[in-house]
C-alpha atoms as a PDB file:
ATOM      1  CA  MET A   1      -5.540  14.970  11.595  1.00  0.00           C
ATOM      2  CA  ARG A   2      -8.429  12.521  11.509  1.00  0.00           C
ATOM      3  CA  ILE A   3      -8.331   9.212   9.648  1.00  0.00           C
ATOM      4  CA  ALA A   4     -11.406   7.222   8.670  1.00  0.00           C
ATOM      5  CA  LEU A   5     -11.022   3.463   9.003  1.00  0.00           C
ATOM      6  CA  ASP A   6     -13.362   1.203   7.058  1.00  0.00           C
ATOM      7  CA  ALA A   7     -13.943  -0.936  10.133  1.00  0.00           C
ATOM      8  CA  MET A   8     -16.067  -3.474   8.230  1.00  0.00           C
ATOM      9  CA  GLY A   9     -13.386  -4.182   5.607  1.00  0.00           C
ATOM     10  CA  GLY A  10     -11.250  -7.318   5.782  1.00  0.00           C
ATOM     11  CA  ASP A  11     -11.524 -11.048   6.375  1.00  0.00           C
ATOM     12  CA  ARG A  12     -11.634 -10.673  10.168  1.00  0.00           C
ATOM     13  CA  ALA A  13     -13.451  -7.380  10.537  1.00  0.00           C
ATOM     14  CA  PRO A  14     -14.609  -5.775  12.700  1.00  0.00           C
ATOM     15  CA  GLY A  15     -12.647  -7.509  15.467  1.00  0.00           C
ATOM     16  CA  VAL A  16      -9.191  -7.036  13.974  1.00  0.00           C
ATOM     17  CA  THR A  17      -9.879  -3.561  12.574  1.00  0.00           C
ATOM     18  CA  VAL A  18     -11.186  -2.229  15.872  1.00  0.00           C
ATOM     19  CA  GLN A  19      -8.253  -3.723  17.757  1.00  0.00           C
ATOM     20  CA  GLY A  20      -5.815  -2.153  15.287  1.00  0.00           C
ATOM     21  CA  ALA A  21      -7.562   1.200  15.621  1.00  0.00           C
ATOM     22  CA  PHE A  22      -7.278   0.940  19.394  1.00  0.00           C
ATOM     23  CA  LEU A  23      -3.516   0.271  19.109  1.00  0.00           C
ATOM     24  CA  ALA A  24      -3.075   3.239  16.758  1.00  0.00           C
ATOM     25  CA  ALA A  25      -5.112   5.505  19.018  1.00  0.00           C
ATOM     26  CA  LYS A  26      -2.751   4.625  21.885  1.00  0.00           C
ATOM     27  CA  GLU A  27       0.029   6.095  19.704  1.00  0.00           C
ATOM     28  CA  GLY A  28      -1.853   9.315  19.144  1.00  0.00           C
ATOM     29  CA  VAL A  29      -3.698   8.650  15.886  1.00  0.00           C
ATOM     30  CA  GLU A  30      -7.169  10.190  15.752  1.00  0.00           C
ATOM     31  CA  VAL A  31      -9.249   7.390  14.258  1.00  0.00           C
ATOM     32  CA  LEU A  32     -12.880   7.492  13.158  1.00  0.00           C
ATOM     33  CA  LEU A  33     -14.423   4.034  12.857  1.00  0.00           C
ATOM     34  CA  VAL A  34     -16.849   3.745   9.957  1.00  0.00           C
ATOM     35  CA  GLY A  35     -19.265   0.823  10.028  1.00  0.00           C
ATOM     36  CA  GLU A  36     -22.255  -0.772  11.728  1.00  0.00           C
ATOM     37  CA  GLU A  37     -22.431   1.028  15.055  1.00  0.00           C
ATOM     38  CA  ALA A  38     -23.822  -1.802  17.180  1.00  0.00           C
ATOM     39  CA  ARG A  39     -21.102  -4.252  16.123  1.00  0.00           C
ATOM     40  CA  LEU A  40     -18.347  -1.678  16.538  1.00  0.00           C
ATOM     41  CA  ARG A  41     -19.537  -0.718  20.020  1.00  0.00           C
ATOM     42  CA  ALA A  42     -19.575  -4.389  21.004  1.00  0.00           C
ATOM     43  CA  GLU A  43     -15.937  -4.775  19.875  1.00  0.00           C
ATOM     44  CA  LEU A  44     -14.915  -1.616  21.728  1.00  0.00           C
ATOM     45  CA  ALA A  45     -16.658  -2.834  24.870  1.00  0.00           C
ATOM     46  CA  ARG A  46     -14.751  -6.095  24.617  1.00  0.00           C
ATOM     47  CA  LEU A  47     -11.520  -4.091  24.582  1.00  0.00           C
ATOM     48  CA  GLY A  48     -12.740  -1.878  27.407  1.00  0.00           C
ATOM     49  CA  THR A  49     -12.268   1.334  25.435  1.00  0.00           C
ATOM     50  CA  SER A  50     -14.108   3.842  23.256  1.00  0.00           C
ATOM     51  CA  LEU A  51     -13.470   5.462  19.883  1.00  0.00           C
ATOM     52  CA  PRO A  52     -15.640   7.752  17.737  1.00  0.00           C
ATOM     53  CA  ILE A  53     -17.943   5.954  15.313  1.00  0.00           C
ATOM     54  CA  HIS A  54     -19.680   7.065  12.124  1.00  0.00           C
ATOM     55  CA  HIS A  55     -22.542   4.682  11.437  1.00  0.00           C
ATOM     56  CA  ALA A  56     -22.714   2.929   8.055  1.00  0.00           C
ATOM     57  CA  PRO A  57     -25.393   0.212   7.872  1.00  0.00           C
ATOM     58  CA  ASP A  58     -23.931  -1.621   4.859  1.00  0.00           C
ATOM     59  CA  TRP A  59     -20.541  -3.029   3.797  1.00  0.00           C
ATOM     60  CA  ILE A  60     -19.002  -4.728   0.743  1.00  0.00           C
ATOM     61  CA  PRO A  61     -18.067  -8.410   1.315  1.00  0.00           C
ATOM     62  CA  MET A  62     -14.766  -9.619  -0.110  1.00  0.00           C
ATOM     63  CA  GLU A  63     -16.461 -11.926  -2.620  1.00  0.00           C
ATOM     64  CA  GLU A  64     -18.715  -9.238  -4.106  1.00  0.00           C
ATOM     65  CA  HIS A  65     -17.982  -7.567  -7.439  1.00  0.00           C
ATOM     66  CA  ALA A  66     -16.286  -4.174  -7.216  1.00  0.00           C
ATOM     67  CA  THR A  67     -18.853  -2.474  -9.446  1.00  0.00           C
ATOM     68  CA  GLU A  68     -21.519  -3.045  -6.785  1.00  0.00           C
ATOM     69  CA  VAL A  69     -20.045  -0.161  -4.824  1.00  0.00           C
ATOM     70  CA  ARG A  70     -21.850   2.419  -6.978  1.00  0.00           C
ATOM     71  CA  LYS A  71     -25.204   1.073  -5.827  1.00  0.00           C
ATOM     72  CA  ARG A  72     -24.175   0.859  -2.170  1.00  0.00           C
ATOM     73  CA  ARG A  73     -23.926   4.494  -1.091  1.00  0.00           C
ATOM     74  CA  GLU A  74     -24.437   3.519   2.567  1.00  0.00           C
ATOM     75  CA  SER A  75     -21.647   0.936   2.577  1.00  0.00           C
ATOM     76  CA  SER A  76     -18.793   1.635   4.977  1.00  0.00           C
ATOM     77  CA  ILE A  77     -16.224   2.293   2.237  1.00  0.00           C
ATOM     78  CA  MET A  78     -18.485   4.711   0.363  1.00  0.00           C
ATOM     79  CA  VAL A  79     -19.374   6.557   3.566  1.00  0.00           C
ATOM     80  CA  ALA A  80     -15.670   6.825   4.449  1.00  0.00           C
ATOM     81  CA  MET A  81     -14.837   8.240   0.997  1.00  0.00           C
ATOM     82  CA  ASP A  82     -17.662  10.746   1.294  1.00  0.00           C
ATOM     83  CA  LEU A  83     -16.272  11.915   4.643  1.00  0.00           C
ATOM     84  CA  LEU A  84     -12.886  12.416   2.960  1.00  0.00           C
ATOM     85  CA  LYS A  85     -14.389  14.349   0.066  1.00  0.00           C
ATOM     86  CA  ARG A  86     -16.213  16.655   2.509  1.00  0.00           C
ATOM     87  CA  GLY A  87     -13.010  17.281   4.454  1.00  0.00           C
ATOM     88  CA  GLU A  88     -14.265  15.709   7.682  1.00  0.00           C
ATOM     89  CA  VAL A  89     -11.298  13.313   7.618  1.00  0.00           C
ATOM     90  CA  GLN A  90      -7.889  13.662   5.980  1.00  0.00           C
ATOM     91  CA  ALA A  91      -7.355  10.039   4.903  1.00  0.00           C
ATOM     92  CA  VAL A  92      -9.172   6.732   4.443  1.00  0.00           C
ATOM     93  CA  VAL A  93      -7.722   3.336   5.358  1.00  0.00           C
ATOM     94  CA  SER A  94      -9.367   0.065   4.340  1.00  0.00           C
ATOM     95  CA  MET A  95      -8.291  -3.555   4.670  1.00  0.00           C
ATOM     96  CA  GLY A  96     -11.327  -4.617   2.674  1.00  0.00           C
ATOM     97  CA  HIS A  97     -12.168  -5.326  -0.958  1.00  0.00           C
ATOM     98  CA  THR A  98      -9.338  -3.788  -3.028  1.00  0.00           C
ATOM     99  CA  GLY A  99     -11.425  -3.347  -6.174  1.00  0.00           C
ATOM    100  CA  ALA A 100     -14.344  -1.864  -4.269  1.00  0.00           C
ATOM    101  CA  THR A 101     -12.054   0.548  -2.433  1.00  0.00           C
ATOM    102  CA  MET A 102     -10.502   1.699  -5.697  1.00  0.00           C
ATOM    103  CA  ALA A 103     -13.910   2.057  -7.323  1.00  0.00           C
ATOM    104  CA  ALA A 104     -15.244   4.012  -4.346  1.00  0.00           C
ATOM    105  CA  ALA A 105     -12.230   6.344  -4.458  1.00  0.00           C
ATOM    106  CA  LEU A 106     -12.564   6.987  -8.179  1.00  0.00           C
ATOM    107  CA  PHE A 107     -16.342   7.402  -8.028  1.00  0.00           C
ATOM    108  CA  THR A 108     -16.329   9.724  -5.002  1.00  0.00           C
ATOM    109  CA  LEU A 109     -12.989  11.564  -5.154  1.00  0.00           C
ATOM    110  CA  GLY A 110     -12.013  11.443  -8.810  1.00  0.00           C
ATOM    111  CA  ARG A 111      -8.487  11.453 -10.203  1.00  0.00           C
ATOM    112  CA  VAL A 112      -5.766  14.037  -9.751  1.00  0.00           C
ATOM    113  CA  LYS A 113      -5.816  16.341 -12.791  1.00  0.00           C
ATOM    114  CA  GLY A 114      -3.952  14.744 -15.681  1.00  0.00           C
ATOM    115  CA  VAL A 115      -3.746  11.245 -14.207  1.00  0.00           C
ATOM    116  CA  GLU A 116      -4.717   8.540 -16.661  1.00  0.00           C
ATOM    117  CA  ARG A 117      -4.781   5.681 -14.138  1.00  0.00           C
ATOM    118  CA  PRO A 118      -4.257   5.591 -10.348  1.00  0.00           C
ATOM    119  CA  ALA A 119      -1.696   3.067  -9.122  1.00  0.00           C
ATOM    120  CA  LEU A 120      -1.106   0.989  -6.020  1.00  0.00           C
ATOM    121  CA  LEU A 121       2.342   1.443  -4.494  1.00  0.00           C
ATOM    122  CA  VAL A 122       3.993  -1.578  -2.856  1.00  0.00           C
ATOM    123  CA  GLU A 123       6.924  -1.277  -0.458  1.00  0.00           C
ATOM    124  CA  PHE A 124       9.645  -3.937  -0.300  1.00  0.00           C
ATOM    125  CA  PRO A 125      12.633  -4.167   2.051  1.00  0.00           C
ATOM    126  CA  SER A 126      15.975  -4.015   0.244  1.00  0.00           C
ATOM    127  CA  GLN A 127      19.670  -4.136   1.016  1.00  0.00           C
ATOM    128  CA  ARG A 128      19.772  -0.353   0.738  1.00  0.00           C
ATOM    129  CA  GLY A 129      16.591   0.302   2.714  1.00  0.00           C
ATOM    130  CA  ARG A 130      13.338   0.297   0.779  1.00  0.00           C
ATOM    131  CA  THR A 131      12.129  -0.154  -2.795  1.00  0.00           C
ATOM    132  CA  PHE A 132       8.756   1.190  -3.965  1.00  0.00           C
ATOM    133  CA  LEU A 133       7.018  -0.622  -6.825  1.00  0.00           C
ATOM    134  CA  LEU A 134       4.142   0.668  -8.928  1.00  0.00           C
ATOM    135  CA  ASP A 135       1.709  -0.675 -10.025  1.00  0.00           C
ATOM    136  CA  GLY A 136       0.896  -3.297  -7.424  1.00  0.00           C
ATOM    137  CA  GLY A 137      -2.309  -4.445  -9.108  1.00  0.00           C
ATOM    138  CA  ALA A 138      -4.645  -1.567  -9.966  1.00  0.00           C
ATOM    139  CA  ASN A 139      -4.100  -1.780 -13.751  1.00  0.00           C
ATOM    140  CA  ALA A 140      -3.499  -5.165 -15.325  1.00  0.00           C
ATOM    141  CA  ASP A 141      -2.987  -3.669 -18.793  1.00  0.00           C
ATOM    142  CA  CYS A 142      -1.007  -0.462 -19.183  1.00  0.00           C
ATOM    143  CA  ARG A 143       0.067   1.971 -21.868  1.00  0.00           C
ATOM    144  CA  PRO A 144       3.596   3.399 -21.834  1.00  0.00           C
ATOM    145  CA  PHE A 145       2.517   6.824 -20.570  1.00  0.00           C
ATOM    146  CA  PHE A 146       0.785   5.219 -17.582  1.00  0.00           C
ATOM    147  CA  LEU A 147       4.185   3.970 -16.401  1.00  0.00           C
ATOM    148  CA  VAL A 148       5.676   7.448 -16.818  1.00  0.00           C
ATOM    149  CA  GLN A 149       2.982   8.801 -14.498  1.00  0.00           C
ATOM    150  CA  PHE A 150       3.566   5.918 -12.082  1.00  0.00           C
ATOM    151  CA  ALA A 151       7.219   6.979 -11.982  1.00  0.00           C
ATOM    152  CA  ALA A 152       6.344  10.573 -11.112  1.00  0.00           C
ATOM    153  CA  MET A 153       3.961   9.485  -8.367  1.00  0.00           C
ATOM    154  CA  GLY A 154       6.452   6.941  -7.032  1.00  0.00           C
ATOM    155  CA  LEU A 155       9.172   9.588  -6.816  1.00  0.00           C
ATOM    156  CA  ALA A 156       6.789  11.879  -4.925  1.00  0.00           C
ATOM    157  CA  TYR A 157       5.981   9.105  -2.465  1.00  0.00           C
ATOM    158  CA  ALA A 158       9.640   8.172  -1.977  1.00  0.00           C
ATOM    159  CA  GLU A 159      10.526  11.789  -1.203  1.00  0.00           C
ATOM    160  CA  ALA A 160       7.575  12.129   1.182  1.00  0.00           C
ATOM    161  CA  SER A 161       8.908   8.996   2.923  1.00  0.00           C
ATOM    162  CA  GLY A 162      12.236  10.710   3.509  1.00  0.00           C
ATOM    163  CA  LEU A 163      14.399   9.335   0.671  1.00  0.00           C
ATOM    164  CA  LYS A 164      16.824  11.751  -0.963  1.00  0.00           C
ATOM    165  CA  ASP A 165      17.389  11.796  -4.719  1.00  0.00           C
ATOM    166  CA  PRO A 166      15.533   8.529  -5.498  1.00  0.00           C
ATOM    167  CA  LYS A 167      15.957   6.949  -8.937  1.00  0.00           C
ATOM    168  CA  VAL A 168      13.416   5.130 -11.114  1.00  0.00           C
ATOM    169  CA  GLY A 169      13.987   1.717 -12.668  1.00  0.00           C
ATOM    170  CA  LEU A 170      11.876   0.072 -15.375  1.00  0.00           C
ATOM    171  CA  LEU A 171      11.232  -3.611 -14.607  1.00  0.00           C
ATOM    172  CA  SER A 172      12.425  -5.811 -17.452  1.00  0.00           C
ATOM    173  CA  ILE A 173      14.115  -9.122 -18.258  1.00  0.00           C
ATOM    174  CA  GLY A 174      17.551  -7.552 -18.702  1.00  0.00           C
ATOM    175  CA  GLU A 175      19.456  -4.391 -17.886  1.00  0.00           C
ATOM    176  CA  GLU A 176      20.214  -3.495 -21.511  1.00  0.00           C
ATOM    177  CA  GLU A 177      18.079  -0.802 -23.137  1.00  0.00           C
ATOM    178  CA  GLY A 178      16.994  -3.059 -25.984  1.00  0.00           C
ATOM    179  CA  LYS A 179      15.565  -5.818 -23.803  1.00  0.00           C
ATOM    180  CA  GLY A 180      11.940  -6.281 -22.775  1.00  0.00           C
ATOM    181  CA  ASN A 181       8.451  -6.703 -24.189  1.00  0.00           C
ATOM    182  CA  ALA A 182       6.637  -4.117 -26.313  1.00  0.00           C
ATOM    183  CA  LEU A 183       5.475  -2.139 -23.273  1.00  0.00           C
ATOM    184  CA  VAL A 184       9.003  -1.899 -21.828  1.00  0.00           C
ATOM    185  CA  LEU A 185      10.593  -0.978 -25.184  1.00  0.00           C
ATOM    186  CA  GLU A 186       8.073   1.807 -25.762  1.00  0.00           C
ATOM    187  CA  THR A 187       8.248   3.086 -22.180  1.00  0.00           C
ATOM    188  CA  TYR A 188      12.043   3.300 -21.916  1.00  0.00           C
ATOM    189  CA  PRO A 189      12.562   6.411 -24.127  1.00  0.00           C
ATOM    190  CA  LEU A 190       9.568   8.147 -22.539  1.00  0.00           C
ATOM    191  CA  LEU A 191      11.004   7.695 -19.048  1.00  0.00           C
ATOM    192  CA  LYS A 192      14.422   8.805 -20.253  1.00  0.00           C
ATOM    193  CA  ASP A 193      12.998  12.016 -21.720  1.00  0.00           C
ATOM    194  CA  ALA A 194      10.634  12.730 -18.830  1.00  0.00           C
ATOM    195  CA  LEU A 195      12.984  12.040 -15.916  1.00  0.00           C
ATOM    196  CA  GLY A 196      16.474  12.679 -17.223  1.00  0.00           C
ATOM    197  CA  GLU A 197      19.082  11.736 -14.631  1.00  0.00           C
ATOM    198  CA  ARG A 198      16.375  10.444 -12.294  1.00  0.00           C
ATOM    199  CA  PHE A 199      15.830   7.493 -14.623  1.00  0.00           C
ATOM    200  CA  PHE A 200      18.208   4.637 -13.787  1.00  0.00           C
ATOM    201  CA  GLY A 201      17.252   2.421 -16.722  1.00  0.00           C
ATOM    202  CA  ASN A 202      16.085  -1.172 -16.837  1.00  0.00           C
ATOM    203  CA  VAL A 203      16.178  -3.261 -13.677  1.00  0.00           C
ATOM    204  CA  GLU A 204      15.526  -6.970 -13.155  1.00  0.00           C
ATOM    205  CA  GLY A 205      13.415  -8.689 -10.503  1.00  0.00           C
ATOM    206  CA  ARG A 206      16.405  -9.288  -8.243  1.00  0.00           C
ATOM    207  CA  ASP A 207      17.149  -5.549  -8.219  1.00  0.00           C
ATOM    208  CA  ILE A 208      13.982  -4.893  -6.233  1.00  0.00           C
ATOM    209  CA  PHE A 209      15.591  -6.461  -3.164  1.00  0.00           C
ATOM    210  CA  LEU A 210      19.083  -5.203  -3.936  1.00  0.00           C
ATOM    211  CA  GLY A 211      17.764  -1.628  -3.930  1.00  0.00           C
ATOM    212  CA  THR A 212      19.333  -0.810  -7.307  1.00  0.00           C
ATOM    213  CA  ALA A 213      16.640   1.819  -7.881  1.00  0.00           C
ATOM    214  CA  GLU A 214      14.396   3.169  -5.136  1.00  0.00           C
ATOM    215  CA  VAL A 215      11.301   3.283  -7.394  1.00  0.00           C
ATOM    216  CA  VAL A 216      10.436   0.506  -9.862  1.00  0.00           C
ATOM    217  CA  VAL A 217       7.621   0.792 -12.397  1.00  0.00           C
ATOM    218  CA  THR A 218       5.753  -1.934 -14.226  1.00  0.00           C
ATOM    219  CA  ASP A 219       2.213  -2.866 -15.250  1.00  0.00           C
ATOM    220  CA  GLY A 220      -0.230  -3.947 -12.535  1.00  0.00           C
ATOM    221  CA  PHE A 221      -0.366  -7.565 -13.685  1.00  0.00           C
ATOM    222  CA  THR A 222       3.398  -8.023 -13.364  1.00  0.00           C
ATOM    223  CA  GLY A 223       3.545  -5.938 -10.205  1.00  0.00           C
ATOM    224  CA  ASN A 224       0.933  -8.025  -8.454  1.00  0.00           C
ATOM    225  CA  VAL A 225       2.701 -11.251  -9.430  1.00  0.00           C
ATOM    226  CA  VAL A 226       5.922  -9.831  -7.945  1.00  0.00           C
ATOM    227  CA  LEU A 227       4.087  -8.864  -4.747  1.00  0.00           C
ATOM    228  CA  LYS A 228       2.426 -12.242  -4.235  1.00  0.00           C
ATOM    229  CA  LEU A 229       5.630 -14.117  -5.093  1.00  0.00           C
ATOM    230  CA  ALA A 230       7.643 -12.070  -2.595  1.00  0.00           C
ATOM    231  CA  GLU A 231       5.065 -12.519   0.180  1.00  0.00           C
ATOM    232  CA  GLY A 232       4.785 -16.246  -0.457  1.00  0.00           C
ATOM    233  CA  GLU A 233       8.553 -16.731  -0.531  1.00  0.00           C
ATOM    234  CA  ALA A 234       8.996 -14.744   2.694  1.00  0.00           C
ATOM    235  CA  LYS A 235       6.385 -16.861   4.453  1.00  0.00           C
ATOM    236  CA  VAL A 236       7.916 -20.139   3.277  1.00  0.00           C
ATOM    237  CA  LEU A 237      11.456 -18.977   4.064  1.00  0.00           C
ATOM    238  CA  LEU A 238      10.514 -17.989   7.604  1.00  0.00           C
ATOM    239  CA  GLY A 239       8.891 -21.410   8.007  1.00  0.00           C
ATOM    240  CA  TRP A 240      12.055 -23.142   6.854  1.00  0.00           C
ATOM    241  CA  ILE A 241      14.158 -21.107   9.277  1.00  0.00           C
ATOM    242  CA  LYS A 242      11.822 -21.949  12.160  1.00  0.00           C
ATOM    243  CA  GLU A 243      11.882 -25.630  11.230  1.00  0.00           C
ATOM    244  CA  ALA A 244      15.703 -25.661  11.058  1.00  0.00           C
ATOM    245  CA  LEU A 245      16.082 -23.836  14.377  1.00  0.00           C
ATOM    246  CA  THR A 246      13.863 -26.325  16.209  1.00  0.00           C
ATOM    247  CA  SER A 247      15.304 -29.482  14.619  1.00  0.00           C
ATOM    248  CA  SER A 248      17.660 -30.350  17.491  1.00  0.00           C
ATOM    249  CA  PRO A 249      18.608 -29.253  21.011  1.00  0.00           C
ATOM    250  CA  LEU A 250      21.751 -27.564  19.669  1.00  0.00           C
ATOM    251  CA  ALA A 251      19.763 -25.724  17.000  1.00  0.00           C
ATOM    252  CA  ARG A 252      17.264 -24.544  19.621  1.00  0.00           C
ATOM    253  CA  LEU A 253      20.132 -23.195  21.712  1.00  0.00           C
ATOM    254  CA  GLY A 254      21.448 -21.322  18.685  1.00  0.00           C
ATOM    255  CA  ALA A 255      17.978 -19.914  18.033  1.00  0.00           C
ATOM    256  CA  LEU A 256      17.799 -18.666  21.613  1.00  0.00           C
ATOM    257  CA  LEU A 257      21.136 -16.888  21.267  1.00  0.00           C
ATOM    258  CA  ALA A 258      20.164 -15.350  17.912  1.00  0.00           C
ATOM    259  CA  ARG A 259      16.606 -14.483  18.902  1.00  0.00           C
ATOM    260  CA  GLY A 260      17.084 -10.712  18.720  1.00  0.00           C
ATOM    261  CA  ALA A 261      18.720 -10.797  15.299  1.00  0.00           C
ATOM    262  CA  LEU A 262      16.082 -13.183  13.945  1.00  0.00           C
ATOM    263  CA  ARG A 263      13.314 -10.905  15.202  1.00  0.00           C
ATOM    264  CA  LYS A 264      14.787  -8.016  13.204  1.00  0.00           C
ATOM    265  CA  VAL A 265      14.823 -10.137  10.044  1.00  0.00           C
ATOM    266  CA  LYS A 266      11.216 -11.173  10.578  1.00  0.00           C
ATOM    267  CA  GLU A 267      10.160  -7.559  11.028  1.00  0.00           C
ATOM    268  CA  LYS A 268      11.746  -6.618   7.707  1.00  0.00           C
ATOM    269  CA  VAL A 269       9.893  -9.261   5.693  1.00  0.00           C
ATOM    270  CA  ASP A 270       6.592  -9.283   7.610  1.00  0.00           C
ATOM    271  CA  PRO A 271       3.864  -7.599   5.482  1.00  0.00           C
ATOM    272  CA  SER A 272       2.152  -6.437   8.696  1.00  0.00           C
ATOM    273  CA  GLN A 273       5.002  -3.978   9.250  1.00  0.00           C
ATOM    274  CA  TYR A 274       4.060  -2.105   6.076  1.00  0.00           C
ATOM    275  CA  GLY A 275       0.377  -1.802   6.891  1.00  0.00           C
ATOM    276  CA  ALA A 276      -1.242  -0.756   3.644  1.00  0.00           C
ATOM    277  CA  MET A 277      -0.562   0.366   0.092  1.00  0.00           C
ATOM    278  CA  PRO A 278      -1.334   3.952  -0.930  1.00  0.00           C
ATOM    279  CA  LEU A 279      -3.596   4.423  -3.946  1.00  0.00           C
ATOM    280  CA  LEU A 280      -1.775   7.201  -5.776  1.00  0.00           C
ATOM    281  CA  GLY A 281      -3.476   9.401  -8.363  1.00  0.00           C
ATOM    282  CA  VAL A 282      -6.863   9.936  -6.717  1.00  0.00           C
ATOM    283  CA  GLU A 283      -7.891  13.253  -5.146  1.00  0.00           C
ATOM    284  CA  GLY A 284      -7.413  12.152  -1.583  1.00  0.00           C
ATOM    285  CA  ALA A 285      -5.210  10.082   0.699  1.00  0.00           C
ATOM    286  CA  VAL A 286      -6.412   6.473   0.363  1.00  0.00           C
ATOM    287  CA  PHE A 287      -4.587   3.414   1.755  1.00  0.00           C
ATOM    288  CA  ILE A 288      -5.509  -0.208   0.978  1.00  0.00           C
ATOM    289  CA  GLY A 289      -4.309  -3.173   3.047  1.00  0.00           C
ATOM    290  CA  HIS A 290      -4.594  -6.962   2.838  1.00  0.00           C
ATOM    291  CA  GLY A 291      -7.917  -8.585   3.579  1.00  0.00           C
ATOM    292  CA  SER A 292      -6.051 -11.031   5.821  1.00  0.00           C
ATOM    293  CA  ALA A 293      -4.479  -8.189   7.822  1.00  0.00           C
ATOM    294  CA  ASP A 294      -3.996  -8.566  11.561  1.00  0.00           C
ATOM    295  CA  ALA A 295      -4.313  -5.828  14.176  1.00  0.00           C
ATOM    296  CA  LEU A 296      -0.636  -4.891  13.808  1.00  0.00           C
ATOM    297  CA  ALA A 297      -1.097  -4.276  10.080  1.00  0.00           C
ATOM    298  CA  VAL A 298      -4.160  -2.105  10.743  1.00  0.00           C
ATOM    299  CA  LYS A 299      -2.249  -0.093  13.321  1.00  0.00           C
ATOM    300  CA  ASN A 300       0.712   0.397  10.988  1.00  0.00           C
ATOM    301  CA  ALA A 301      -1.568   1.381   8.112  1.00  0.00           C
ATOM    302  CA  LEU A 302      -3.082   4.131  10.262  1.00  0.00           C
ATOM    303  CA  LEU A 303       0.351   5.305  11.410  1.00  0.00           C
ATOM    304  CA  ARG A 304       1.596   5.422   7.826  1.00  0.00           C
ATOM    305  CA  ALA A 305      -1.462   7.340   6.662  1.00  0.00           C
ATOM    306  CA  ARG A 306      -0.889   9.956   9.350  1.00  0.00           C
ATOM    307  CA  ALA A 307       2.805  10.309   8.509  1.00  0.00           C
ATOM    308  CA  LEU A 308       2.336  10.641   4.760  1.00  0.00           C
ATOM    309  CA  VAL A 309      -0.588  13.041   4.928  1.00  0.00           C
ATOM    310  CA  GLY A 310       1.494  15.110   7.329  1.00  0.00           C
ATOM    311  CA  ALA A 311       4.345  15.085   4.785  1.00  0.00           C
ATOM    312  CA  GLY A 312       2.063  16.571   2.120  1.00  0.00           C
ATOM    313  CA  LEU A 313       1.872  13.454  -0.055  1.00  0.00           C
ATOM    314  CA  LEU A 314      -1.005  14.615  -2.270  1.00  0.00           C
ATOM    315  CA  ASP A 315       0.603  17.990  -3.013  1.00  0.00           C
ATOM    316  CA  ARG A 316       3.874  16.235  -3.815  1.00  0.00           C
ATOM    317  CA  VAL A 317       2.083  13.900  -6.242  1.00  0.00           C
ATOM    318  CA  ARG A 318       0.446  16.864  -7.999  1.00  0.00           C
ATOM    319  CA  ALA A 319       3.787  18.669  -8.231  1.00  0.00           C
ATOM    320  CA  GLY A 320       5.551  15.572  -9.563  1.00  0.00           C
ATOM    321  CA  LEU A 321       2.982  15.078 -12.281  1.00  0.00           C
ATOM    322  CA  SER A 322       3.026  18.715 -13.345  1.00  0.00           C
ATOM    323  CA  ALA A 323       6.833  18.602 -13.681  1.00  0.00           C
ATOM    324  CA  LEU A 324       6.835  15.766 -16.231  1.00  0.00           C
ATOM    325  CA  HIS A 325       8.679  16.765 -19.395  1.00  0.00           C
ATOM    326  CA  VAL A 326       6.398  15.019 -21.880  1.00  0.00           C
END
C-alpha cells in the first residue's frame, strides 16, 4: 500500500511533513512525497535519509481561496489526487488547505454514488473509548438527508476502526425527541426510519465525551465549533494542570510521581495523536490534518490512512450508503 503525502501542505511544510513521513516510513508505511523536488531532497538530506518523491512544481498556500485549485493542476494536492485516481497510490494525506484539499478531491475523484455531500469525520476521546462526529466542517449548511448519509458513513468508519455495534446520536440541545432547531426536528424521524435500532436518539454536547453514542451527526458549522472548542479547552486545561503542578516544591514532587499517568491523559487529548480527519463520501481515501500539525501528527495521519484503507473503508462506506432504508 502506497500513500501520497502532500509534502507542501501545512504551516510548517515541508520540514514537518518530511520529518513525519520519515517517522512513518520507519514504522513500515510506504510514503510517496509529492511536492517541489529540490526542497524535499534538501529536507531529506538534513534528516540523512531518502524517500521516493513525485515532483509537483506548485502548491496552494493556506491563505489562498479554495477555488484556485481548479486552475492549479500542477499543485502538490492536485498531483496527489491525480495519482490516487490513477491507482498509483491508495490514499492521500494532506495537512494543508482544508478547502483546497476538499475541492481537489471532488474535482479529481468525484463523489461516491448517491452521496449528496462529503463530510469530515472528527474523532474525540470519550469515557467509553472514542466518539466520531460528522460533519467536522465540510458543509456549513445542511439538509436533513445529508445528516442521514453522514450517519451511514460514520457507522462504516466506526466499524472499520474496530467498534462493534456502534450507535448514532443526533446532536441537539436536549435528549427529548421534540427538542432542537428545524434541522434537528426534521432529521430525527429520517434517522429513526433509516437506522432503526442503530439510532440512539438525540444527544447533547456533553455526551460526545461521555461516549453515549459512538457516532454523532450534526451540520458542519456546529461540528466545527465543537471541534475548535474541544481543542481550545484541552490546550487551556493542560496549561492549567502544568501551572498547578509547578507551583510549589511539593506540587513538583507530586507531578514527578504522577508523570506516567499524566502522560496518558495528555496523549488522549492531544490532537497530534489523531493525525488527520478522513473526508468521507469521495471516491478515494483522503485524509485532512491541521495546518499547524507537527511531525507526530503527520506520522499518525499516515499510519491511520494505512490502517483504514487496509480495513476496506471505502467499500464499507459504499455498503453503508446502499443499505439506507430511505
